Amino acid sequence: MISSDRPRRWPACVMALLLLGYAAGKAAFALQARLGFPGGPPVPAAEAAGYFLDPALGQWLACASGLLGAVIALATVTTAGRRRVPRALMLVVLAVMTLAVLGGGGIMALDGFVGIGVGWRWYHGLLGIVAIVLTVEMSRSYLVVTRAEDAEVMP
């Protein structure tokens, strides 16, 4: 049986790749000043017209959040990231990130499997669940590693 106390690096690396893909998709739509995501459900023109931001600006901000998320994910598994970012701050950032992914992934899963939303398909729902699991495991692994590092430092 695999111990749940063992830290794993791969979930953070895969999450960073997913977030980079998210950022690339948002950048592609920002260049076209379109809302939505490549491969996702289309956003109706009436909904896009009522959006509170300029679509390009909104997509560029989403792109930036994807890039920031990828940096955070990599910071959880690199020595430099663990040394430079205080543990308490990183735990708060990971909690917020987990809640954000839980919200987005949960919406994708509910809509993809139950059909109560904008039109995500089952494979989008599966991706949402994978993102949630990866984020939770990345956060858990960071907690385990930093707890062990703190225990080594204390006399």
C-alpha atoms as a PDB file:
ATOM      1  CA  MET A   1       0.000   0.000   0.000  1.00  0.00           C
ATOM      2  CA  ILE A   2       1.219   3.492  -0.784  1.00  0.00           C
ATOM      3  CA  SER A   3       1.641   5.763   2.210  1.00  0.00           C
ATOM      4  CA  SER A   4      -0.224   9.054   2.043  1.00  0.00           C
ATOM      5  CA  ASP A   5       2.661  10.662   3.944  1.00  0.00           C
ATOM      6  CA  ARG A   6       4.941  10.375   0.940  1.00  0.00           C
ATOM      7  CA  PRO A   7       5.449  13.613  -0.990  1.00  0.00           C
ATOM      8  CA  ARG A   8       4.964  13.513  -4.751  1.00  0.00           C
ATOM      9  CA  ARG A   9       6.374  15.984  -7.266  1.00  0.00           C
ATOM     10  CA  TRP A  10       4.534  14.842 -10.363  1.00  0.00           C
ATOM     11  CA  PRO A  11       1.079  16.282  -9.490  1.00  0.00           C
ATOM     12  CA  ALA A  12       2.556  19.785  -9.267  1.00  0.00           C
ATOM     13  CA  CYS A  13       4.426  19.321 -12.557  1.00  0.00           C
ATOM     14  CA  VAL A  14       1.307  18.046 -14.347  1.00  0.00           C
ATOM     15  CA  MET A  15      -0.743  20.873 -12.823  1.00  0.00           C
ATOM     16  CA  ALA A  16       1.827  23.388 -14.075  1.00  0.00           C
ATOM     17  CA  LEU A  17       1.489  21.918 -17.592  1.00  0.00           C
ATOM     18  CA  LEU A  18      -2.316  22.091 -17.411  1.00  0.00           C
ATOM     19  CA  LEU A  19      -2.143  25.697 -16.262  1.00  0.00           C
ATOM     20  CA  LEU A  20       0.276  26.579 -19.064  1.00  0.00           C
ATOM     21  CA  GLY A  21      -2.194  25.015 -21.514  1.00  0.00           C
ATOM     22  CA  TYR A  22      -4.981  27.060 -19.937  1.00  0.00           C
ATOM     23  CA  ALA A  23      -2.882  30.215 -20.300  1.00  0.00           C
ATOM     24  CA  ALA A  24      -2.118  29.420 -23.947  1.00  0.00           C
ATOM     25  CA  GLY A  25      -5.802  28.863 -24.721  1.00  0.00           C
ATOM     26  CA  LYS A  26      -6.775  32.107 -23.035  1.00  0.00           C
ATOM     27  CA  ALA A  27      -4.022  33.975 -24.909  1.00  0.00           C
ATOM     28  CA  ALA A  28      -5.258  32.552 -28.223  1.00  0.00           C
ATOM     29  CA  PHE A  29      -8.767  33.833 -27.518  1.00  0.00           C
ATOM     30  CA  ALA A  30      -7.440  37.160 -26.194  1.00  0.00           C
ATOM     31  CA  LEU A  31      -5.720  37.755 -29.526  1.00  0.00           C
ATOM     32  CA  GLN A  32      -9.118  37.277 -31.181  1.00  0.00           C
ATOM     33  CA  ALA A  33     -10.967  39.297 -28.487  1.00  0.00           C
ATOM     34  CA  ARG A  34     -13.277  36.297 -27.913  1.00  0.00           C
ATOM     35  CA  LEU A  35     -14.658  34.886 -24.701  1.00  0.00           C
ATOM     36  CA  GLY A  36     -14.469  31.176 -23.977  1.00  0.00           C
ATOM     37  CA  PHE A  37     -11.777  28.586 -24.433  1.00  0.00           C
ATOM     38  CA  PRO A  38     -10.565  26.614 -27.466  1.00  0.00           C
ATOM     39  CA  GLY A  39     -12.477  23.336 -27.552  1.00  0.00           C
ATOM     40  CA  GLY A  40     -15.023  24.590 -25.035  1.00  0.00           C
ATOM     41  CA  PRO A  41     -18.631  25.582 -25.540  1.00  0.00           C
ATOM     42  CA  PRO A  42     -19.159  28.702 -27.657  1.00  0.00           C
ATOM     43  CA  VAL A  43     -20.090  31.924 -25.886  1.00  0.00           C
ATOM     44  CA  PRO A  44     -23.186  33.528 -27.436  1.00  0.00           C
ATOM     45  CA  ALA A  45     -22.717  37.030 -28.870  1.00  0.00           C
ATOM     46  CA  ALA A  46     -25.366  38.475 -26.514  1.00  0.00           C
ATOM     47  CA  GLU A  47     -23.515  37.117 -23.500  1.00  0.00           C
ATOM     48  CA  ALA A  48     -20.183  38.413 -24.796  1.00  0.00           C
ATOM     49  CA  ALA A  49     -21.731  41.852 -25.363  1.00  0.00           C
ATOM     50  CA  GLY A  50     -22.908  41.975 -21.753  1.00  0.00           C
ATOM     51  CA  TYR A  51     -19.541  40.945 -20.313  1.00  0.00           C
ATOM     52  CA  PHE A  52     -18.302  43.420 -17.689  1.00  0.00           C
ATOM     53  CA  LEU A  53     -14.795  43.661 -19.208  1.00  0.00           C
ATOM     54  CA  ASP A  54     -13.467  44.014 -22.694  1.00  0.00           C
ATOM     55  CA  PRO A  55     -13.224  40.354 -23.840  1.00  0.00           C
ATOM     56  CA  ALA A  56      -9.545  40.684 -24.787  1.00  0.00           C
ATOM     57  CA  LEU A  57      -8.669  42.192 -21.398  1.00  0.00           C
ATOM     58  CA  GLY A  58     -10.617  39.504 -19.570  1.00  0.00           C
ATOM     59  CA  GLN A  59      -8.831  36.778 -21.503  1.00  0.00           C
ATOM     60  CA  TRP A  60      -5.407  38.357 -20.914  1.00  0.00           C
ATOM     61  CA  LEU A  61      -6.152  38.481 -17.180  1.00  0.00           C
ATOM     62  CA  ALA A  62      -7.176  34.825 -17.277  1.00  0.00           C
ATOM     63  CA  CYS A  63      -3.964  34.052 -19.172  1.00  0.00           C
ATOM     64  CA  ALA A  64      -1.959  35.803 -16.462  1.00  0.00           C
ATOM     65  CA  SER A  65      -3.751  33.806 -13.763  1.00  0.00           C
ATOM     66  CA  GLY A  66      -2.829  30.582 -15.564  1.00  0.00           C
ATOM     67  CA  LEU A  67       0.825  31.621 -15.749  1.00  0.00           C
ATOM     68  CA  LEU A  68       0.824  32.606 -12.077  1.00  0.00           C
ATOM     69  CA  GLY A  69      -0.781  29.294 -11.159  1.00  0.00           C
ATOM     70  CA  ALA A  70       1.925  27.402 -13.064  1.00  0.00           C
ATOM     71  CA  VAL A  71       4.645  29.337 -11.212  1.00  0.00           C
ATOM     72  CA  ILE A  72       2.971  28.579  -7.879  1.00  0.00           C
ATOM     73  CA  ALA A  73       2.673  24.889  -8.764  1.00  0.00           C
ATOM     74  CA  LEU A  74       6.379  24.708  -9.618  1.00  0.00           C
ATOM     75  CA  ALA A  75       7.294  26.653  -6.471  1.00  0.00           C
ATOM     76  CA  THR A  76       5.772  23.867  -4.369  1.00  0.00           C
ATOM     77  CA  VAL A  77       8.268  21.314  -5.684  1.00  0.00           C
ATOM     78  CA  THR A  78      11.460  23.331  -6.075  1.00  0.00           C
ATOM     79  CA  THR A  79      13.925  23.984  -3.299  1.00  0.00           C
ATOM     80  CA  ALA A  80      14.144  27.643  -4.274  1.00  0.00           C
ATOM     81  CA  GLY A  81      10.366  27.995  -4.085  1.00  0.00           C
ATOM     82  CA  ARG A  82      10.185  26.352  -0.672  1.00  0.00           C
ATOM     83  CA  ARG A  83      13.048  28.503   0.672  1.00  0.00           C
ATOM     84  CA  ARG A  84      11.904  31.881  -0.660  1.00  0.00           C
ATOM     85  CA  VAL A  85       8.176  31.704  -0.002  1.00  0.00           C
ATOM     86  CA  PRO A  86       7.175  31.514   3.661  1.00  0.00           C
ATOM     87  CA  ARG A  87       5.261  28.313   4.408  1.00  0.00           C
ATOM     88  CA  ALA A  88       2.248  30.108   5.901  1.00  0.00           C
ATOM     89  CA  LEU A  89       1.912  32.355   2.850  1.00  0.00           C
ATOM     90  CA  MET A  90       2.205  29.413   0.447  1.00  0.00           C
ATOM     91  CA  LEU A  91      -0.437  27.474   2.374  1.00  0.00           C
ATOM     92  CA  VAL A  92      -2.850  30.411   2.086  1.00  0.00           C
ATOM     93  CA  VAL A  93      -2.085  30.758  -1.653  1.00  0.00           C
ATOM     94  CA  LEU A  94      -2.578  27.005  -2.150  1.00  0.00           C
ATOM     95  CA  ALA A  95      -5.888  27.129  -0.261  1.00  0.00           C
ATOM     96  CA  VAL A  96      -7.153  29.937  -2.514  1.00  0.00           C
ATOM     97  CA  MET A  97      -5.858  28.150  -5.610  1.00  0.00           C
ATOM     98  CA  THR A  98      -7.526  24.892  -4.518  1.00  0.00           C
ATOM     99  CA  LEU A  99     -10.843  26.682  -3.986  1.00  0.00           C
ATOM    100  CA  ALA A 100     -10.584  28.320  -7.422  1.00  0.00           C
ATOM    101  CA  VAL A 101      -9.809  25.011  -9.141  1.00  0.00           C
ATOM    102  CA  LEU A 102     -12.550  23.304  -7.129  1.00  0.00           C
ATOM    103  CA  GLY A 103     -15.022  25.917  -8.363  1.00  0.00           C
ATOM    104  CA  GLY A 104     -13.978  25.802 -12.013  1.00  0.00           C
ATOM    105  CA  GLY A 105     -13.412  22.056 -12.142  1.00  0.00           C
ATOM    106  CA  GLY A 106     -16.617  21.419 -10.232  1.00  0.00           C
ATOM    107  CA  ILE A 107     -18.633  23.490 -12.702  1.00  0.00           C
ATOM    108  CA  MET A 108     -17.019  21.631 -15.611  1.00  0.00           C
ATOM    109  CA  ALA A 109     -17.760  18.268 -13.974  1.00  0.00           C
ATOM    110  CA  LEU A 110     -21.372  19.116 -13.090  1.00  0.00           C
ATOM    111  CA  ASP A 111     -22.104  20.495 -16.520  1.00  0.00           C
ATOM    112  CA  GLY A 112     -20.172  17.762 -18.304  1.00  0.00           C
ATOM    113  CA  PHE A 113     -21.864  14.869 -16.503  1.00  0.00           C
ATOM    114  CA  VAL A 114     -25.241  16.305 -15.456  1.00  0.00           C
ATOM    115  CA  GLY A 115     -25.751  19.023 -18.053  1.00  0.00           C
ATOM    116  CA  ILE A 116     -26.650  22.026 -15.940  1.00  0.00           C
ATOM    117  CA  GLY A 117     -24.623  24.815 -17.490  1.00  0.00           C
ATOM    118  CA  VAL A 118     -23.150  26.248 -20.654  1.00  0.00           C
ATOM    119  CA  GLY A 119     -22.465  23.026 -22.533  1.00  0.00           C
ATOM    120  CA  TRP A 120     -19.284  21.398 -21.240  1.00  0.00           C
ATOM    121  CA  ARG A 121     -19.003  17.780 -22.419  1.00  0.00           C
ATOM    122  CA  TRP A 122     -18.120  14.652 -20.432  1.00  0.00           C
ATOM    123  CA  TYR A 123     -14.423  14.930 -21.319  1.00  0.00           C
ATOM    124  CA  HIS A 124     -14.386  18.496 -19.992  1.00  0.00           C
ATOM    125  CA  GLY A 125     -15.954  17.163 -16.793  1.00  0.00           C
ATOM    126  CA  LEU A 126     -13.268  14.516 -16.551  1.00  0.00           C
ATOM    127  CA  LEU A 127     -10.584  17.172 -17.005  1.00  0.00           C
ATOM    128  CA  GLY A 128     -12.205  19.236 -14.245  1.00  0.00           C
ATOM    129  CA  ILE A 129     -12.047  16.268 -11.858  1.00  0.00           C
ATOM    130  CA  VAL A 130      -8.409  15.596 -12.800  1.00  0.00           C
ATOM    131  CA  ALA A 131      -7.532  19.258 -12.131  1.00  0.00           C
ATOM    132  CA  ILE A 132      -9.212  19.105  -8.710  1.00  0.00           C
ATOM    133  CA  VAL A 133      -7.415  15.902  -7.730  1.00  0.00           C
ATOM    134  CA  LEU A 134      -4.051  17.214  -8.941  1.00  0.00           C
ATOM    135  CA  THR A 135      -4.451  20.481  -7.039  1.00  0.00           C
ATOM    136  CA  VAL A 136      -5.449  18.743  -3.816  1.00  0.00           C
ATOM    137  CA  GLU A 137      -2.542  16.283  -4.108  1.00  0.00           C
ATOM    138  CA  MET A 138      -0.093  19.086  -4.949  1.00  0.00           C
ATOM    139  CA  SER A 139      -1.202  20.988  -1.843  1.00  0.00           C
ATOM    140  CA  ARG A 140      -1.094  17.873   0.348  1.00  0.00           C
ATOM    141  CA  SER A 141       2.369  16.987  -0.886  1.00  0.00           C
ATOM    142  CA  TYR A 142       3.640  20.512  -0.201  1.00  0.00           C
ATOM    143  CA  LEU A 143       2.234  20.290   3.315  1.00  0.00           C
ATOM    144  CA  VAL A 144       3.966  16.944   3.914  1.00  0.00           C
ATOM    145  CA  VAL A 145       7.334  18.113   2.549  1.00  0.00           C
ATOM    146  CA  THR A 146       7.384  21.390   4.442  1.00  0.00           C
ATOM    147  CA  ARG A 147       6.233  19.728   7.662  1.00  0.00           C
ATOM    148  CA  ALA A 148       9.147  17.276   7.349  1.00  0.00           C
ATOM    149  CA  GLU A 149      11.575  20.118   6.567  1.00  0.00           C
ATOM    150  CA  ASP A 150      10.344  22.083   9.587  1.00  0.00           C
ATOM    151  CA  ALA A 151      10.778  19.013  11.789  1.00  0.00           C
ATOM    152  CA  GLU A 152      14.402  18.641  10.637  1.00  0.00           C
ATOM    153  CA  VAL A 153      15.172  22.290  11.432  1.00  0.00           C
ATOM    154  CA  MET A 154      13.691  22.226  14.933  1.00  0.00           C
ATOM    155  CA  PRO A 155      16.007  20.945  17.682  1.00  0.00           C
END
